[in-house]
């Protein structure tokens, strides 16, 4: 029962808790880049979706492996 409640808690926190960042972004200001062409924007969006899916799958694997061990 504890594993189920822990998994449910983690899922609810992932879905509904807003981010808690309190510090400003530490990157150095760079000169603005020119806007991307429509084709470049489409490619960038597709690559980000693939990256996001990979991250979600990796988190699911880590969570599943913690329950099997």
C-alpha atoms as a PDB file:
ATOM      1  CA  UNK A   1       0.000   0.000   0.000  1.00  0.00           C
ATOM      2  CA  UNK A   2       2.909   2.359   0.741  1.00  0.00           C
ATOM      3  CA  UNK A   3       4.316   1.933  -2.772  1.00  0.00           C
ATOM      4  CA  UNK A   4       0.928   2.707  -4.293  1.00  0.00           C
ATOM      5  CA  UNK A   5       0.494   5.844  -2.195  1.00  0.00           C
ATOM      6  CA  UNK A   6       4.041   6.989  -2.986  1.00  0.00           C
ATOM      7  CA  UNK A   7       3.445   6.503  -6.708  1.00  0.00           C
ATOM      8  CA  UNK A   8       0.103   8.323  -6.530  1.00  0.00           C
ATOM      9  CA  UNK A   9       1.716  11.189  -4.592  1.00  0.00           C
ATOM     10  CA  UNK A  10       4.508  11.489  -7.150  1.00  0.00           C
ATOM     11  CA  UNK A  11       2.053  11.467 -10.064  1.00  0.00           C
ATOM     12  CA  UNK A  12      -0.144  14.138  -8.479  1.00  0.00           C
ATOM     13  CA  UNK A  13       2.859  16.340  -7.684  1.00  0.00           C
ATOM     14  CA  UNK A  14       4.124  15.966 -11.256  1.00  0.00           C
ATOM     15  CA  UNK A  15       0.774  16.942 -12.742  1.00  0.00           C
ATOM     16  CA  UNK A  16      -0.536  19.635 -10.411  1.00  0.00           C
ATOM     17  CA  UNK A  17       2.208  21.342  -8.384  1.00  0.00           C
ATOM     18  CA  UNK A  18       3.499  24.554  -9.987  1.00  0.00           C
ATOM     19  CA  UNK A  19       7.263  25.024 -10.356  1.00  0.00           C
ATOM     20  CA  UNK A  20       8.999  26.691  -7.407  1.00  0.00           C
ATOM     21  CA  UNK A  21      11.974  28.468  -8.973  1.00  0.00           C
ATOM     22  CA  UNK A  22      12.928  31.518  -6.914  1.00  0.00           C
ATOM     23  CA  UNK A  23      16.112  32.741  -8.584  1.00  0.00           C
ATOM     24  CA  UNK A  24      16.544  34.529 -11.848  1.00  0.00           C
ATOM     25  CA  UNK A  25      18.064  32.682 -14.785  1.00  0.00           C
ATOM     26  CA  UNK A  26      21.866  32.834 -14.395  1.00  0.00           C
ATOM     27  CA  UNK A  27      22.682  32.950 -18.099  1.00  0.00           C
ATOM     28  CA  UNK A  28      24.507  35.917 -19.492  1.00  0.00           C
ATOM     29  CA  UNK A  29      22.439  38.149 -21.739  1.00  0.00           C
ATOM     30  CA  UNK A  30      23.306  37.505 -25.360  1.00  0.00           C
ATOM     31  CA  UNK A  31      22.448  39.606 -28.374  1.00  0.00           C
ATOM     32  CA  UNK A  32      19.078  38.671 -29.863  1.00  0.00           C
ATOM     33  CA  UNK A  33      19.118  36.116 -32.618  1.00  0.00           C
ATOM     34  CA  UNK A  34      17.157  36.624 -35.828  1.00  0.00           C
ATOM     35  CA  UNK A  35      13.769  34.887 -35.930  1.00  0.00           C
ATOM     36  CA  UNK A  36      13.665  31.376 -37.358  1.00  0.00           C
ATOM     37  CA  UNK A  37      12.108  30.605 -40.700  1.00  0.00           C
ATOM     38  CA  UNK A  38       8.866  28.598 -40.659  1.00  0.00           C
ATOM     39  CA  UNK A  39      10.672  25.391 -41.651  1.00  0.00           C
ATOM     40  CA  UNK A  40      13.259  25.862 -38.879  1.00  0.00           C
ATOM     41  CA  UNK A  41      10.519  26.508 -36.299  1.00  0.00           C
ATOM     42  CA  UNK A  42       8.724  23.326 -37.359  1.00  0.00           C
ATOM     43  CA  UNK A  43      11.921  21.278 -37.086  1.00  0.00           C
ATOM     44  CA  UNK A  44      12.781  22.783 -33.674  1.00  0.00           C
ATOM     45  CA  UNK A  45       9.282  21.976 -32.388  1.00  0.00           C
ATOM     46  CA  UNK A  46       9.506  18.385 -33.617  1.00  0.00           C
ATOM     47  CA  UNK A  47      12.914  17.921 -31.988  1.00  0.00           C
ATOM     48  CA  UNK A  48      11.675  19.329 -28.679  1.00  0.00           C
ATOM     49  CA  UNK A  49       8.684  16.960 -28.699  1.00  0.00           C
ATOM     50  CA  UNK A  50      11.007  13.995 -29.232  1.00  0.00           C
ATOM     51  CA  UNK A  51      13.271  15.229 -26.440  1.00  0.00           C
ATOM     52  CA  UNK A  52      10.308  15.677 -24.071  1.00  0.00           C
ATOM     53  CA  UNK A  53       8.957  12.192 -24.791  1.00  0.00           C
ATOM     54  CA  UNK A  54      12.408  10.753 -24.079  1.00  0.00           C
ATOM     55  CA  UNK A  55      12.560  12.546 -20.729  1.00  0.00           C
ATOM     56  CA  UNK A  56       9.091  11.360 -19.716  1.00  0.00           C
ATOM     57  CA  UNK A  57       9.962   7.771 -20.665  1.00  0.00           C
ATOM     58  CA  UNK A  58      13.247   7.936 -18.736  1.00  0.00           C
ATOM     59  CA  UNK A  59      11.409   9.139 -15.612  1.00  0.00           C
ATOM     60  CA  UNK A  60       8.896   6.309 -15.968  1.00  0.00           C
ATOM     61  CA  UNK A  61      11.728   3.764 -16.259  1.00  0.00           C
ATOM     62  CA  UNK A  62      13.456   5.145 -13.164  1.00  0.00           C
ATOM     63  CA  UNK A  63      10.207   5.058 -11.206  1.00  0.00           C
ATOM     64  CA  UNK A  64       9.376   1.521 -12.347  1.00  0.00           C
ATOM     65  CA  UNK A  65      12.854   0.252 -11.527  1.00  0.00           C
ATOM     66  CA  UNK A  66      12.604   1.656  -8.005  1.00  0.00           C
ATOM     67  CA  UNK A  67       9.524  -0.519  -7.395  1.00  0.00           C
ATOM     68  CA  UNK A  68      11.058  -3.708  -8.765  1.00  0.00           C
ATOM     69  CA  UNK A  69      14.201  -3.577  -6.654  1.00  0.00           C
END
